[in-house]
């Protein structure tokens, strides 16, 4: 598996720049997700909605894989790897995140969600995929501080009282699952295309989620769902799920999982901007400073060789 600690050797400069631009696009897609998902949740409960968007995204991913002509039959060992990454990564994230957002404040969700780079760094360090770089630590700290400022600026509550604690722990568990998915899906890219890895993980996760949600899904009158609900499902499944994860896994293969994970913290910046234009919410001084901190953190990790040597 390529070492995250060699930024120059990961790819040429053009591929690196392209990967970073695509990861910014992912942050934009994810930032626009909340208001669009809320629209769908007005007509569906969370579990059937999640299964529907996963199914739509998986069908689109299978189509893209077939058109790409890049499918190769996986080995038995890699099938087990895909199953493991799906269960402990993508499925765990979907299950805990869905439950967590209903048990805690949106402020907690935004803050706990920005801990993804920390989990990725710890996994990389534990499994020997990366060394601890001072600039990466500084970049992660800057992005964390930026997200906190954005949360405070939007007036969202940070609380661990009562049921909020259980919800916050679920969000933490969800981010651990997504970190696992981010780090270990990358090892398959040396043998299979981005399309095949992403599609395989999405299809397996869709099957698992359908099995868990089947009793609740039977009671849904799918044919009676209005057009806005289907529009929400298609956006969240095709763009927010399928395209975003294609680009996320590909970006991790180009610039490394540690640097990729920091782009997750740009999502709240785009979320606030989206809320400003779509919902008329304010964008004040604290959000502006927070956005600068988040983007500063991305810049530091992008140019980490300039900001300090490795710590061994």
Protein backbone atom coordinates (compact mmCIF):
# COMPACT_ATOMS: atom_id res chain seq x y z
CA UNK A 1 0.00 0.00 0.00
CA UNK A 2 1.45 3.44 -0.87
CA UNK A 3 2.74 5.50 2.05
CA UNK A 4 0.75 8.64 2.87
CA UNK A 5 3.95 10.29 4.07
CA UNK A 6 5.39 10.73 0.55
CA UNK A 7 3.27 13.51 -0.99
CA UNK A 8 5.57 14.10 -3.95
CA UNK A 9 5.58 10.43 -4.98
CA UNK A 10 1.82 9.95 -4.83
CA UNK A 11 1.19 11.42 -8.27
CA UNK A 12 2.37 14.19 -10.55
CA UNK A 13 1.32 17.74 -9.77
CA UNK A 14 -1.52 17.80 -12.27
CA UNK A 15 -3.16 14.67 -10.84
CA UNK A 16 -2.73 16.01 -7.31
CA UNK A 17 -4.34 19.33 -8.21
CA UNK A 18 -7.17 17.54 -10.03
CA UNK A 19 -7.75 15.28 -7.01
CA UNK A 20 -7.93 18.27 -4.68
CA UNK A 21 -10.41 20.04 -6.97
CA UNK A 22 -12.55 16.90 -7.09
CA UNK A 23 -12.46 16.60 -3.29
CA UNK A 24 -13.66 20.20 -3.04
CA UNK A 25 -16.52 19.16 -5.32
CA UNK A 26 -17.26 16.28 -2.92
CA UNK A 27 -17.37 18.76 -0.02
CA UNK A 28 -19.78 20.91 -2.04
CA UNK A 29 -22.06 17.94 -2.80
CA UNK A 30 -22.06 16.89 0.85
CA UNK A 31 -22.59 20.48 1.98
CA UNK A 32 -25.73 20.70 -0.18
CA UNK A 33 -26.96 17.32 1.10
CA UNK A 34 -28.64 18.36 4.41
CA UNK A 35 -31.41 20.65 3.05
CA UNK A 36 -32.07 18.27 0.14
CA UNK A 37 -32.21 15.21 2.45
CA UNK A 38 -34.52 17.11 4.83
CA UNK A 39 -36.87 17.61 1.89
CA UNK A 40 -37.03 13.85 1.34
CA UNK A 41 -37.44 13.14 5.05
CA UNK A 42 -40.66 15.16 5.03
CA UNK A 43 -42.20 12.23 3.12
CA UNK A 44 -40.17 9.23 4.35
CA UNK A 45 -38.76 8.05 7.66
CA UNK A 46 -34.94 7.87 7.83
CA UNK A 47 -34.34 4.14 7.27
CA UNK A 48 -36.53 3.70 4.16
CA UNK A 49 -35.13 6.96 2.80
CA UNK A 50 -31.53 5.78 3.31
CA UNK A 51 -32.24 2.43 1.66
CA UNK A 52 -33.92 4.18 -1.28
CA UNK A 53 -31.00 6.55 -1.89
CA UNK A 54 -28.48 3.71 -1.43
CA UNK A 55 -30.39 1.57 -3.95
CA UNK A 56 -30.60 4.39 -6.52
CA UNK A 57 -26.92 5.19 -6.02
CA UNK A 58 -25.93 1.52 -6.33
CA UNK A 59 -27.89 1.06 -9.57
CA UNK A 60 -26.18 4.11 -11.04
CA UNK A 61 -22.79 2.86 -9.83
CA UNK A 62 -23.34 -0.56 -11.44
CA UNK A 63 -24.24 1.16 -14.72
CA UNK A 64 -21.07 3.28 -14.61
CA UNK A 65 -18.95 0.20 -13.82
CA UNK A 66 -20.43 -1.70 -16.78
CA UNK A 67 -19.85 1.24 -19.15
CA UNK A 68 -16.27 1.68 -17.92
CA UNK A 69 -15.38 -1.91 -18.85
CA UNK A 70 -13.05 -2.03 -15.83
CA UNK A 71 -14.65 -4.94 -13.94
CA UNK A 72 -12.35 -7.76 -12.89
CA UNK A 73 -13.36 -10.82 -10.98
CA UNK A 74 -12.20 -10.33 -7.37
CA UNK A 75 -10.25 -12.97 -5.55
CA UNK A 76 -11.79 -14.75 -2.57
CA UNK A 77 -9.49 -12.84 -0.22
CA UNK A 78 -10.58 -9.50 -1.71
CA UNK A 79 -14.24 -10.47 -1.46
CA UNK A 80 -13.73 -10.89 2.28
CA UNK A 81 -11.93 -7.52 2.38
CA UNK A 82 -14.86 -5.86 0.61
CA UNK A 83 -17.32 -7.46 3.03
CA UNK A 84 -15.23 -6.38 6.02
CA UNK A 85 -14.89 -2.79 4.79
CA UNK A 86 -18.61 -2.66 4.04
CA UNK A 87 -19.68 -3.96 7.47
CA UNK A 88 -17.21 -2.07 9.67
CA UNK A 89 -16.96 0.98 7.42
CA UNK A 90 -19.74 2.09 5.10
CA UNK A 91 -22.66 0.21 6.72
CA UNK A 92 -21.57 1.12 10.24
CA UNK A 93 -21.38 4.77 9.23
CA UNK A 94 -24.84 4.79 7.61
CA UNK A 95 -26.48 2.98 10.54
CA UNK A 96 -24.95 5.02 13.39
CA UNK A 97 -25.12 8.37 11.59
CA UNK A 98 -28.83 7.98 10.84
CA UNK A 99 -29.62 7.13 14.45
CA UNK A 100 -27.22 9.70 15.88
CA UNK A 101 -28.66 12.74 14.11
CA UNK A 102 -32.05 12.00 15.69
CA UNK A 103 -30.61 11.84 19.21
CA UNK A 104 -28.42 14.92 19.37
CA UNK A 105 -28.14 18.52 18.22
CA UNK A 106 -27.05 19.61 14.76
CA UNK A 107 -24.13 21.38 16.43
CA UNK A 108 -22.92 18.09 17.91
CA UNK A 109 -23.32 16.40 14.52
CA UNK A 110 -21.26 19.10 12.78
CA UNK A 111 -18.51 19.03 15.42
CA UNK A 112 -18.28 15.24 15.81
CA UNK A 113 -18.34 14.90 12.04
CA UNK A 114 -15.19 16.98 11.69
CA UNK A 115 -13.19 14.45 13.73
CA UNK A 116 -12.84 12.18 10.68
CA UNK A 117 -9.24 13.34 9.96
CA UNK A 118 -8.26 12.44 13.52
CA UNK A 119 -9.59 8.90 13.13
CA UNK A 120 -7.87 8.52 9.76
CA UNK A 121 -4.58 9.73 11.22
CA UNK A 122 -4.83 7.28 14.13
CA UNK A 123 -5.66 4.33 11.84
CA UNK A 124 -2.82 5.21 9.50
CA UNK A 125 -0.43 5.48 12.43
CA UNK A 126 -1.65 2.27 14.12
CA UNK A 127 -1.35 0.16 10.97
CA UNK A 128 1.93 1.77 9.90
CA UNK A 129 0.54 3.40 6.75
CA UNK A 130 1.72 6.87 7.73
CA UNK A 131 4.04 8.76 10.06
CA UNK A 132 2.86 11.64 12.24
CA UNK A 133 3.64 14.90 10.46
CA UNK A 134 3.59 18.16 12.37
CA UNK A 135 1.96 20.03 9.50
CA UNK A 136 -0.88 17.47 9.27
CA UNK A 137 -1.54 17.89 13.00
CA UNK A 138 -1.56 21.68 12.62
CA UNK A 139 -3.85 21.45 9.59
CA UNK A 140 -6.30 19.17 11.40
CA UNK A 141 -6.28 21.47 14.44
CA UNK A 142 -6.99 24.51 12.24
CA UNK A 143 -9.88 22.78 10.49
CA UNK A 144 -11.32 21.58 13.82
CA UNK A 145 -11.18 25.12 15.20
CA UNK A 146 -12.82 26.42 12.04
CA UNK A 147 -15.73 23.99 12.30
CA UNK A 148 -16.26 24.96 15.97
CA UNK A 149 -16.43 28.63 14.97
CA UNK A 150 -18.91 27.84 12.19
CA UNK A 151 -21.10 25.88 14.64
CA UNK A 152 -21.00 28.71 17.19
CA UNK A 153 -21.64 31.31 14.49
CA UNK A 154 -24.78 29.56 13.29
CA UNK A 155 -26.11 29.35 16.84
CA UNK A 156 -26.21 25.55 16.87
CA UNK A 157 -26.12 23.97 20.31
CA UNK A 158 -23.23 21.83 21.57
CA UNK A 159 -24.53 19.62 24.39
CA UNK A 160 -23.83 16.24 25.98
CA UNK A 161 -26.76 16.35 28.38
CA UNK A 162 -29.30 13.53 28.48
CA UNK A 163 -29.90 11.75 25.18
CA UNK A 164 -27.46 14.06 23.41
CA UNK A 165 -24.60 12.00 24.85
CA UNK A 166 -25.85 8.80 23.20
CA UNK A 167 -26.35 10.64 19.93
CA UNK A 168 -22.89 12.18 20.06
CA UNK A 169 -21.31 8.78 20.74
CA UNK A 170 -23.18 7.36 17.73
CA UNK A 171 -21.83 10.15 15.52
CA UNK A 172 -18.33 9.43 16.84
CA UNK A 173 -18.83 5.75 16.02
CA UNK A 174 -20.12 6.68 12.57
CA UNK A 175 -17.01 8.75 11.85
CA UNK A 176 -14.81 5.88 13.02
CA UNK A 177 -16.60 3.67 10.49
CA UNK A 178 -16.09 6.20 7.70
CA UNK A 179 -12.41 6.51 8.60
CA UNK A 180 -12.08 2.72 8.39
CA UNK A 181 -13.75 2.81 4.96
CA UNK A 182 -11.50 5.67 3.79
CA UNK A 183 -8.25 4.04 4.89
CA UNK A 184 -8.82 0.40 3.92
CA UNK A 185 -10.70 0.89 0.65
CA UNK A 186 -7.51 2.48 -0.66
CA UNK A 187 -5.58 -0.79 -0.49
CA UNK A 188 -7.89 -2.30 -3.12
CA UNK A 189 -7.15 0.42 -5.68
CA UNK A 190 -3.93 -1.26 -6.71
CA UNK A 191 -5.90 -4.24 -8.04
CA UNK A 192 -9.30 -2.84 -9.03
CA UNK A 193 -10.68 0.38 -10.51
CA UNK A 194 -12.23 3.11 -8.40
CA UNK A 195 -15.55 2.27 -10.05
CA UNK A 196 -15.39 -1.38 -8.99
CA UNK A 197 -14.31 -0.71 -5.42
CA UNK A 198 -16.97 1.95 -4.83
CA UNK A 199 -19.73 -0.02 -6.56
CA UNK A 200 -18.94 -3.21 -4.65
CA UNK A 201 -19.01 -1.45 -1.28
CA UNK A 202 -22.26 0.38 -2.12
CA UNK A 203 -24.04 -2.77 -3.32
CA UNK A 204 -23.01 -4.79 -0.25
CA UNK A 205 -24.04 -1.97 2.07
CA UNK A 206 -27.40 -1.60 0.28
CA UNK A 207 -28.11 -5.31 0.80
CA UNK A 208 -27.23 -5.05 4.50
CA UNK A 209 -29.36 -1.95 5.01
CA UNK A 210 -32.30 -3.48 3.16
CA UNK A 211 -32.15 -6.55 5.40
CA UNK A 212 -32.20 -4.38 8.54
CA UNK A 213 -34.93 -2.03 7.25
CA UNK A 214 -37.23 -4.54 5.52
CA UNK A 215 -40.08 -4.48 8.10
CA UNK A 216 -40.26 -0.66 7.99
CA UNK A 217 -39.96 -0.51 4.20
CA UNK A 218 -42.99 -2.76 3.67
CA UNK A 219 -45.26 -0.06 5.04
CA UNK A 220 -44.12 2.63 2.58
CA UNK A 221 -46.44 3.52 -0.32
CA UNK A 222 -43.62 4.09 -2.82
CA UNK A 223 -45.93 4.79 -5.75
CA UNK A 224 -47.54 7.67 -3.84
CA UNK A 225 -44.34 9.57 -3.08
CA UNK A 226 -44.40 13.08 -4.60
CA UNK A 227 -41.84 14.27 -7.13
CA UNK A 228 -39.81 16.33 -4.61
CA UNK A 229 -39.24 13.19 -2.52
CA UNK A 230 -37.96 11.27 -5.55
CA UNK A 231 -35.82 14.25 -6.56
CA UNK A 232 -34.26 14.25 -3.10
CA UNK A 233 -33.62 10.49 -3.30
CA UNK A 234 -32.03 10.75 -6.76
CA UNK A 235 -29.78 13.68 -5.78
CA UNK A 236 -28.69 12.08 -2.51
CA UNK A 237 -28.16 8.69 -4.16
CA UNK A 238 -26.52 9.63 -7.48
CA UNK A 239 -24.58 12.78 -6.56
CA UNK A 240 -24.27 12.80 -2.77
CA UNK A 241 -23.63 9.05 -2.52
CA UNK A 242 -22.40 7.54 -5.80
CA UNK A 243 -20.42 10.35 -7.47
CA UNK A 244 -19.08 11.71 -4.17
CA UNK A 245 -17.76 8.31 -3.09
CA UNK A 246 -16.25 7.59 -6.51
CA UNK A 247 -14.28 10.81 -6.16
CA UNK A 248 -13.55 10.29 -2.44
CA UNK A 249 -11.94 6.87 -2.93
CA UNK A 250 -10.10 8.04 -6.06
CA UNK A 251 -8.80 11.11 -4.20
CA UNK A 252 -7.53 8.92 -1.36
CA UNK A 253 -5.64 6.86 -3.92
CA UNK A 254 -4.00 9.96 -5.40
CA UNK A 255 -3.10 12.13 -2.40
CA UNK A 256 -3.46 9.68 0.52
CA UNK A 257 -6.21 9.11 3.05
CA UNK A 258 -4.84 11.57 5.65
CA UNK A 259 -4.88 14.55 3.28
CA UNK A 260 -8.17 13.44 1.74
CA UNK A 261 -9.92 13.28 5.11
CA UNK A 262 -9.21 16.96 5.85
CA UNK A 263 -11.43 17.91 2.89
CA UNK A 264 -14.33 16.45 4.91
CA UNK A 265 -14.07 19.51 7.14
CA UNK A 266 -14.73 21.83 4.19
CA UNK A 267 -18.28 20.41 4.08
CA UNK A 268 -19.64 22.70 6.87
CA UNK A 269 -18.32 25.71 4.92
CA UNK A 270 -20.37 24.74 1.88
CA UNK A 271 -23.31 23.81 4.12
CA UNK A 272 -23.40 27.33 5.60
CA UNK A 273 -23.07 28.91 2.14
CA UNK A 274 -25.87 26.67 0.82
CA UNK A 275 -28.10 27.58 3.78
CA UNK A 276 -27.37 31.25 3.12
CA UNK A 277 -28.56 31.10 -0.49
CA UNK A 278 -31.27 28.41 -0.20
CA UNK A 279 -32.70 29.06 3.25
CA UNK A 280 -31.82 32.71 3.85
CA UNK A 281 -29.68 31.94 6.91
CA UNK A 282 -27.02 34.41 8.03
CA UNK A 283 -23.30 34.20 7.26
CA UNK A 284 -21.62 36.29 9.94
CA UNK A 285 -18.15 37.07 11.20
CA UNK A 286 -17.64 33.83 13.15
CA UNK A 287 -18.63 31.69 10.14
CA UNK A 288 -16.26 33.70 7.96
CA UNK A 289 -13.34 33.26 10.37
CA UNK A 290 -14.22 29.59 10.71
CA UNK A 291 -14.25 29.12 6.94
CA UNK A 292 -10.81 30.77 6.71
CA UNK A 293 -9.49 28.41 9.43
CA UNK A 294 -10.88 25.34 7.67
CA UNK A 295 -9.41 26.36 4.31
CA UNK A 296 -6.17 27.27 6.07
CA UNK A 297 -6.03 23.75 7.50
CA UNK A 298 -6.47 22.30 4.02
CA UNK A 299 -3.69 24.56 2.72
CA UNK A 300 -1.30 23.48 5.46
CA UNK A 301 -1.86 19.78 4.84
CA UNK A 302 -1.55 20.38 1.09
CA UNK A 303 1.88 22.00 1.59
CA UNK A 304 2.88 20.04 4.67
CA UNK A 305 6.51 19.70 3.59
CA UNK A 306 6.80 23.50 4.09
CA UNK A 307 5.38 23.57 7.61
CA UNK A 308 7.50 21.09 9.47
CA UNK A 309 9.38 17.84 9.40
CA UNK A 310 8.02 14.47 10.41
CA UNK A 311 7.90 13.24 13.95
CA UNK A 312 8.86 9.62 14.37
